[in-house]
N, C-alpha and C. Protein backbone atom coordinates (compact mmCIF):
# COMPACT_ATOMS: atom_id res chain seq x y z
N UNK A 1 62.24 44.63 -141.95
CA UNK A 1 61.72 43.32 -142.44
C UNK A 1 60.68 42.63 -141.01
N UNK A 2 59.69 42.04 -141.58
CA UNK A 2 58.67 41.41 -140.75
C UNK A 2 59.19 40.03 -140.68
N UNK A 3 59.28 39.12 -139.77
CA UNK A 3 59.21 37.49 -139.54
C UNK A 3 58.46 36.78 -140.48
N UNK A 4 57.50 36.93 -140.83
CA UNK A 4 56.36 36.50 -142.08
C UNK A 4 57.11 36.78 -143.16
N UNK A 5 57.83 37.80 -143.80
CA UNK A 5 58.67 37.87 -144.59
C UNK A 5 59.89 37.19 -144.46
N UNK A 6 60.63 36.65 -143.25
CA UNK A 6 61.64 36.51 -143.12
C UNK A 6 61.41 34.67 -143.65
N UNK A 7 60.38 34.07 -143.02
CA UNK A 7 60.24 32.91 -142.71
C UNK A 7 59.87 32.39 -144.29
N UNK A 8 59.36 33.30 -145.01
CA UNK A 8 59.03 32.97 -146.69
C UNK A 8 60.53 32.93 -147.04
N UNK A 9 61.26 33.79 -147.28
CA UNK A 9 62.62 33.88 -147.49
C UNK A 9 63.65 32.38 -147.18
N UNK A 10 63.41 31.84 -146.11
CA UNK A 10 64.00 30.74 -145.12
C UNK A 10 63.59 29.53 -146.08
N UNK A 11 61.81 29.78 -145.83
CA UNK A 11 61.45 28.62 -146.25
C UNK A 11 61.64 28.20 -147.78
N UNK A 12 61.64 29.47 -148.67
CA UNK A 12 62.63 29.42 -150.09
C UNK A 12 63.77 28.69 -150.46
N UNK A 13 64.42 29.19 -149.70
CA UNK A 13 66.02 28.63 -149.12
C UNK A 13 66.12 26.88 -148.38
N UNK A 14 65.08 26.52 -148.11
CA UNK A 14 65.18 25.51 -147.10
C UNK A 14 65.45 24.18 -148.05
N UNK A 15 65.26 24.35 -149.32
CA UNK A 15 65.87 23.44 -150.27
C UNK A 15 67.23 23.35 -150.33
N UNK A 16 68.16 22.41 -150.54
CA UNK A 16 69.56 22.31 -151.01
C UNK A 16 70.03 22.58 -152.10
N UNK A 17 68.78 22.55 -153.40
CA UNK A 17 69.33 23.04 -154.73
C UNK A 17 69.05 24.15 -154.84
N UNK A 18 68.00 25.26 -154.01
CA UNK A 18 67.64 26.37 -154.22
C UNK A 18 68.68 27.26 -153.26
N UNK A 19 69.11 26.64 -152.81
CA UNK A 19 70.36 26.96 -151.73
C UNK A 19 71.87 27.66 -152.42
N UNK A 20 71.89 26.48 -153.48
CA UNK A 20 72.97 26.07 -153.82
C UNK A 20 72.92 27.45 -155.09
N UNK A 21 71.51 27.07 -156.11
CA UNK A 21 71.70 28.04 -157.22
C UNK A 21 71.38 29.98 -156.66
N UNK A 22 70.92 30.16 -155.37
CA UNK A 22 71.08 31.09 -155.16
C UNK A 22 72.50 31.48 -154.41
N UNK A 23 73.21 30.97 -154.01
CA UNK A 23 74.51 31.14 -153.87
C UNK A 23 75.25 31.34 -154.71
N UNK A 24 75.41 30.46 -155.52
CA UNK A 24 75.99 30.63 -157.21
C UNK A 24 75.55 32.27 -157.77
N UNK A 25 74.12 32.27 -157.42
CA UNK A 25 73.95 33.82 -158.24
C UNK A 25 74.64 34.57 -157.45
N UNK A 26 74.59 34.59 -155.94
CA UNK A 26 75.10 35.85 -155.21
C UNK A 26 77.24 35.95 -155.58
N UNK A 27 77.68 34.66 -156.08
CA UNK A 27 78.84 35.15 -156.44
C UNK A 27 78.74 35.39 -157.65
N UNK A 28 77.98 35.18 -158.35
CA UNK A 28 78.16 35.80 -159.76
C UNK A 28 77.95 37.41 -159.90
N UNK A 29 77.30 37.96 -158.62
CA UNK A 29 76.98 39.59 -158.41
C UNK A 29 75.98 39.92 -159.63
N UNK A 30 76.26 41.27 -159.80
CA UNK A 30 74.88 41.85 -160.93
C UNK A 30 74.95 41.37 -162.15
N UNK A 31 76.36 40.32 -162.62
CA UNK A 31 76.30 39.91 -163.89
C UNK A 31 75.21 38.93 -164.31
N UNK A 32 75.00 37.82 -163.07
CA UNK A 32 73.83 36.89 -162.84
C UNK A 32 74.49 35.41 -163.76
N UNK A 33 73.48 34.96 -164.37
CA UNK A 33 73.71 33.69 -164.92
C UNK A 33 72.19 33.22 -165.89
N UNK A 34 72.70 32.79 -166.94
CA UNK A 34 71.64 32.08 -167.96
C UNK A 34 70.98 30.75 -167.39
N UNK A 35 70.29 30.37 -167.55
CA UNK A 35 69.73 29.21 -166.98
C UNK A 35 70.28 28.25 -166.92
N UNK A 36 70.64 27.79 -168.23
CA UNK A 36 71.35 26.96 -168.96
C UNK A 36 72.85 26.71 -168.10
N UNK A 37 73.55 27.75 -168.03
CA UNK A 37 75.08 27.88 -167.02
C UNK A 37 74.72 27.13 -165.78
N UNK A 38 73.88 27.74 -165.29
CA UNK A 38 73.41 27.44 -163.78
C UNK A 38 73.11 25.47 -163.72
N UNK A 39 72.32 25.44 -164.45
CA UNK A 39 72.17 24.02 -164.64
C UNK A 39 73.31 23.55 -164.86
N UNK A 40 74.05 23.85 -165.67
CA UNK A 40 75.53 22.99 -165.49
C UNK A 40 76.28 22.89 -164.85
N UNK A 41 76.22 24.38 -163.87
CA UNK A 41 77.36 24.46 -162.70
C UNK A 41 76.67 23.43 -161.63
N UNK A 42 75.24 23.67 -161.51
CA UNK A 42 74.94 22.52 -160.90
C UNK A 42 74.61 21.02 -160.87
N UNK A 43 74.75 21.08 -162.31
CA UNK A 43 74.57 19.42 -162.66
C UNK A 43 73.25 19.00 -162.16
N UNK A 44 72.42 19.85 -162.65
CA UNK A 44 70.58 19.94 -162.39
C UNK A 44 70.13 19.93 -163.71
N UNK A 45 69.15 18.77 -164.08
CA UNK A 45 68.36 18.97 -165.19
C UNK A 45 67.56 20.39 -165.24
N UNK A 46 67.34 20.88 -166.55
CA UNK A 46 67.11 21.96 -167.02
C UNK A 46 65.68 22.47 -166.15
N UNK A 47 64.95 21.15 -166.60
CA UNK A 47 63.76 21.04 -165.82
C UNK A 47 63.39 21.13 -164.04
N UNK A 48 64.73 20.10 -163.76
CA UNK A 48 64.50 20.36 -162.09
C UNK A 48 64.46 21.80 -161.76
N UNK A 49 65.68 22.23 -162.50
CA UNK A 49 66.50 24.22 -162.23
C UNK A 49 65.23 24.77 -162.43
N UNK A 50 64.41 25.06 -163.38
CA UNK A 50 63.20 25.71 -163.52
C UNK A 50 62.40 25.54 -162.40
N UNK A 51 61.98 24.26 -161.88
CA UNK A 51 60.90 24.37 -160.48
C UNK A 51 61.87 25.55 -159.39
N UNK A 52 63.18 25.12 -159.41
CA UNK A 52 63.72 26.02 -158.27
C UNK A 52 63.73 27.03 -158.70
N UNK A 53 64.17 27.63 -159.79
CA UNK A 53 64.50 28.97 -159.80
C UNK A 53 63.15 29.64 -159.89
N UNK A 54 62.01 29.16 -160.34
CA UNK A 54 60.55 29.66 -160.17
C UNK A 54 60.44 29.73 -158.25
N UNK A 55 60.69 29.10 -157.94
CA UNK A 55 60.28 29.41 -156.10
C UNK A 55 61.36 30.26 -155.75
N UNK A 56 62.62 30.45 -156.08
CA UNK A 56 63.08 31.84 -155.19
C UNK A 56 62.69 32.78 -156.24
N UNK A 57 62.29 32.78 -157.58
CA UNK A 57 61.58 34.15 -157.91
C UNK A 57 60.24 34.73 -157.27
N UNK A 58 59.59 33.71 -157.58
CA UNK A 58 58.31 33.74 -156.26
C UNK A 58 58.56 34.44 -155.09
N UNK A 59 59.52 34.22 -154.53
CA UNK A 59 59.93 34.46 -153.25
C UNK A 59 60.92 36.15 -153.20
N UNK A 60 61.24 36.17 -154.35
CA UNK A 60 61.73 37.62 -154.96
C UNK A 60 63.19 37.49 -154.26
N UNK A 61 63.74 36.62 -154.06
CA UNK A 61 65.49 36.00 -153.97
C UNK A 61 66.15 36.24 -155.56
N UNK A 62 65.25 36.10 -156.17
CA UNK A 62 66.05 36.14 -157.80
C UNK A 62 65.17 36.89 -158.67
N UNK A 63 65.81 37.91 -159.55
CA UNK A 63 65.05 38.49 -160.75
C UNK A 63 65.54 37.79 -161.90
N UNK A 64 64.68 37.78 -163.02
CA UNK A 64 64.68 37.03 -164.36
C UNK A 64 64.21 38.11 -165.53
N UNK A 65 65.53 38.03 -166.47
CA UNK A 65 65.23 38.85 -167.34
C UNK A 65 65.53 38.12 -168.72
N UNK A 66 64.51 38.40 -169.60
CA UNK A 66 64.55 37.75 -171.08
C UNK A 66 65.80 38.24 -171.67
N UNK A 67 66.58 37.58 -172.33
CA UNK A 67 67.84 37.92 -173.30
C UNK A 67 67.57 37.10 -174.41
N UNK A 68 66.83 37.33 -175.48
CA UNK A 68 66.69 36.37 -176.65
C UNK A 68 65.85 35.46 -176.15
N UNK A 69 66.48 34.14 -176.08
CA UNK A 69 65.88 33.09 -175.89
C UNK A 69 66.43 32.66 -174.84
N UNK A 70 66.88 33.18 -173.81
CA UNK A 70 67.83 32.84 -172.94
C UNK A 70 67.06 33.70 -171.78
N UNK A 71 67.20 32.88 -170.57
CA UNK A 71 66.81 33.74 -169.36
C UNK A 71 67.91 34.35 -168.46
N UNK A 72 67.99 35.26 -167.96
CA UNK A 72 69.22 35.51 -167.26
C UNK A 72 68.52 35.88 -165.65
N UNK A 73 69.49 35.25 -165.06
CA UNK A 73 69.13 35.47 -163.60
C UNK A 73 70.06 35.89 -162.65
N UNK A 74 69.44 36.76 -161.78
CA UNK A 74 70.35 37.52 -160.71
C UNK A 74 70.06 37.45 -159.50
N UNK A 75 71.11 37.13 -158.48
CA UNK A 75 70.38 37.10 -156.86
C UNK A 75 70.12 38.65 -156.84
N UNK A 76 69.17 38.95 -156.04
CA UNK A 76 68.44 39.96 -155.01
C UNK A 76 69.08 40.51 -154.11
N UNK A 77 70.49 40.97 -154.20
CA UNK A 77 71.13 41.35 -153.17
C UNK A 77 70.73 42.46 -152.15
N UNK A 78 69.68 43.07 -152.52
CA UNK A 78 69.10 44.33 -151.58
C UNK A 78 68.50 43.29 -150.77
N UNK A 79 67.78 42.14 -151.20
CA UNK A 79 67.07 41.68 -150.35
C UNK A 79 67.68 40.84 -149.63
N UNK A 80 68.83 40.39 -149.71
CA UNK A 80 69.70 39.73 -149.14
C UNK A 80 70.14 40.22 -147.85
N UNK A 81 70.86 41.51 -148.15
CA UNK A 81 71.17 42.50 -147.03
C UNK A 81 70.31 42.75 -146.10
N UNK A 82 69.09 42.67 -146.53
CA UNK A 82 67.64 43.03 -145.65
C UNK A 82 67.36 41.89 -144.78
N UNK A 83 67.75 40.98 -145.49
CA UNK A 83 67.36 39.70 -144.52
C UNK A 83 68.67 39.18 -143.21
N UNK A 84 70.04 39.54 -144.00
CA UNK A 84 71.07 39.45 -143.02
C UNK A 84 71.03 40.74 -141.91
N UNK A 85 70.70 41.82 -142.51
CA UNK A 85 70.12 42.61 -141.36
C UNK A 85 69.17 42.31 -139.92
N UNK A 86 67.92 41.83 -140.81
CA UNK A 86 67.01 41.28 -139.95
C UNK A 86 67.71 40.19 -138.98
N UNK A 87 68.53 39.32 -139.16
CA UNK A 87 68.87 38.44 -138.43
C UNK A 87 70.17 39.18 -137.43
N UNK A 88 70.68 39.91 -137.59
CA UNK A 88 71.55 40.44 -136.51
C UNK A 88 71.07 41.93 -136.07
N UNK A 89 69.88 42.27 -136.20
CA UNK A 89 69.49 43.59 -135.94
C UNK A 89 69.40 43.87 -134.20
N UNK A 90 69.48 42.47 -133.77
CA UNK A 90 69.37 42.48 -131.88
C UNK A 90 70.26 41.73 -131.64
N UNK A 91 71.65 41.71 -132.57
CA UNK A 91 72.78 41.06 -131.76
C UNK A 91 73.30 41.60 -130.77
N UNK A 92 74.02 40.72 -129.37
CA UNK A 92 74.29 41.59 -128.43
C UNK A 92 73.72 42.81 -127.90
N UNK A 93 72.45 42.15 -127.60
CA UNK A 93 71.30 43.03 -126.83
C UNK A 93 70.79 44.13 -127.87
N UNK A 94 71.15 43.78 -128.92
CA UNK A 94 70.73 45.25 -129.85
C UNK A 94 72.04 46.26 -130.10
N UNK A 95 72.91 45.98 -130.04
CA UNK A 95 74.16 46.77 -129.82
C UNK A 95 75.14 46.01 -130.64
N UNK A 96 75.04 45.86 -132.06
CA UNK A 96 76.07 44.64 -132.45
C UNK A 96 77.28 45.31 -132.87
N UNK A 97 77.34 46.61 -132.56
CA UNK A 97 78.75 47.14 -132.75
C UNK A 97 79.75 46.62 -131.43
N UNK A 98 79.38 45.96 -130.61
CA UNK A 98 79.54 45.32 -129.60
C UNK A 98 80.13 43.64 -130.02
N UNK A 99 79.62 43.37 -130.96
CA UNK A 99 79.72 41.75 -131.54
C UNK A 99 81.11 41.71 -132.19
N UNK A 100 81.70 40.51 -132.06
CA UNK A 100 83.04 40.49 -132.93
C UNK A 100 82.32 40.65 -134.32
N UNK A 101 83.80 41.03 -135.28
CA UNK A 101 83.23 40.75 -136.54
C UNK A 101 82.86 39.33 -137.20
N UNK A 102 81.59 39.54 -137.56
CA UNK A 102 81.04 38.03 -138.09
C UNK A 102 81.55 37.40 -139.22
N UNK A 103 82.23 37.93 -140.00
CA UNK A 103 82.97 37.64 -141.00
C UNK A 103 84.16 37.14 -140.77
N UNK A 104 84.81 37.10 -139.91
CA UNK A 104 86.14 36.78 -139.30
C UNK A 104 85.90 36.11 -137.65
N UNK A 105 85.03 35.96 -137.46
CA UNK A 105 85.00 34.96 -136.42
C UNK A 105 84.87 33.48 -136.53
N UNK A 106 85.20 33.19 -135.53
CA UNK A 106 85.56 31.41 -135.46
C UNK A 106 84.02 30.95 -135.35
N UNK A 107 83.61 29.51 -135.84
CA UNK A 107 82.35 28.87 -135.93
C UNK A 107 82.19 29.24 -134.35
N UNK A 108 80.99 29.70 -133.98
CA UNK A 108 80.26 29.19 -132.63
C UNK A 108 80.83 30.59 -131.40
N UNK A 109 81.41 31.34 -132.27
CA UNK A 109 81.98 32.85 -131.34
C UNK A 109 80.25 33.35 -131.21
N UNK A 110 80.72 33.58 -129.64
CA UNK A 110 79.68 34.52 -129.10
C UNK A 110 79.81 35.93 -129.10
N UNK A 111 78.73 36.80 -128.44
CA UNK A 111 79.11 38.11 -128.34
C UNK A 111 79.84 38.08 -126.81
N UNK A 112 80.37 39.20 -127.01
CA UNK A 112 81.03 39.62 -126.01
C UNK A 112 79.98 40.15 -124.51
N UNK A 113 80.72 39.68 -123.30
CA UNK A 113 79.47 40.28 -122.34
C UNK A 113 79.53 41.73 -122.43
N UNK A 114 78.05 42.45 -122.02
CA UNK A 114 78.23 43.69 -121.99
C UNK A 114 78.72 44.24 -121.06
N UNK A 115 79.06 45.72 -121.33
CA UNK A 115 80.16 46.40 -120.55
C UNK A 115 79.07 46.91 -119.50
N UNK A 116 79.73 46.47 -118.21
CA UNK A 116 79.19 46.99 -116.94
C UNK A 116 79.28 48.52 -116.47
N UNK A 117 78.08 48.93 -116.05
CA UNK A 117 77.90 50.06 -115.75
C UNK A 117 78.10 50.33 -114.53
N UNK A 118 78.60 51.39 -114.16
CA UNK A 118 78.77 51.64 -112.35
C UNK A 118 77.50 52.35 -112.15
N UNK A 119 77.34 52.21 -110.90
CA UNK A 119 75.84 52.59 -110.46
C UNK A 119 76.39 54.21 -109.50
């Protein structure tokens, strides 16, 4: 992923409502949710939600599929993984295997120092 693409994704997620909608869809996994259920879960009027879902869709972070009179939204989990990989690809000087497991690391954990080599 290139920096410009990552910046576009972060700009799309910079709204609290869009970030919450995306996180909700990530929790739902491949099943996704219809727009009305998303609006209810976020306590957001459908008209306001539509604006935010359109922005997420335009950025590629969500997909939308027509189901009768409803629209089902799903998080683009593949793109999310690409973004996470972009953020972590140079962790610990390009050796992420030396870093702590980020899922279980305490907040503000830092990478361990590089292994010393003998000359």
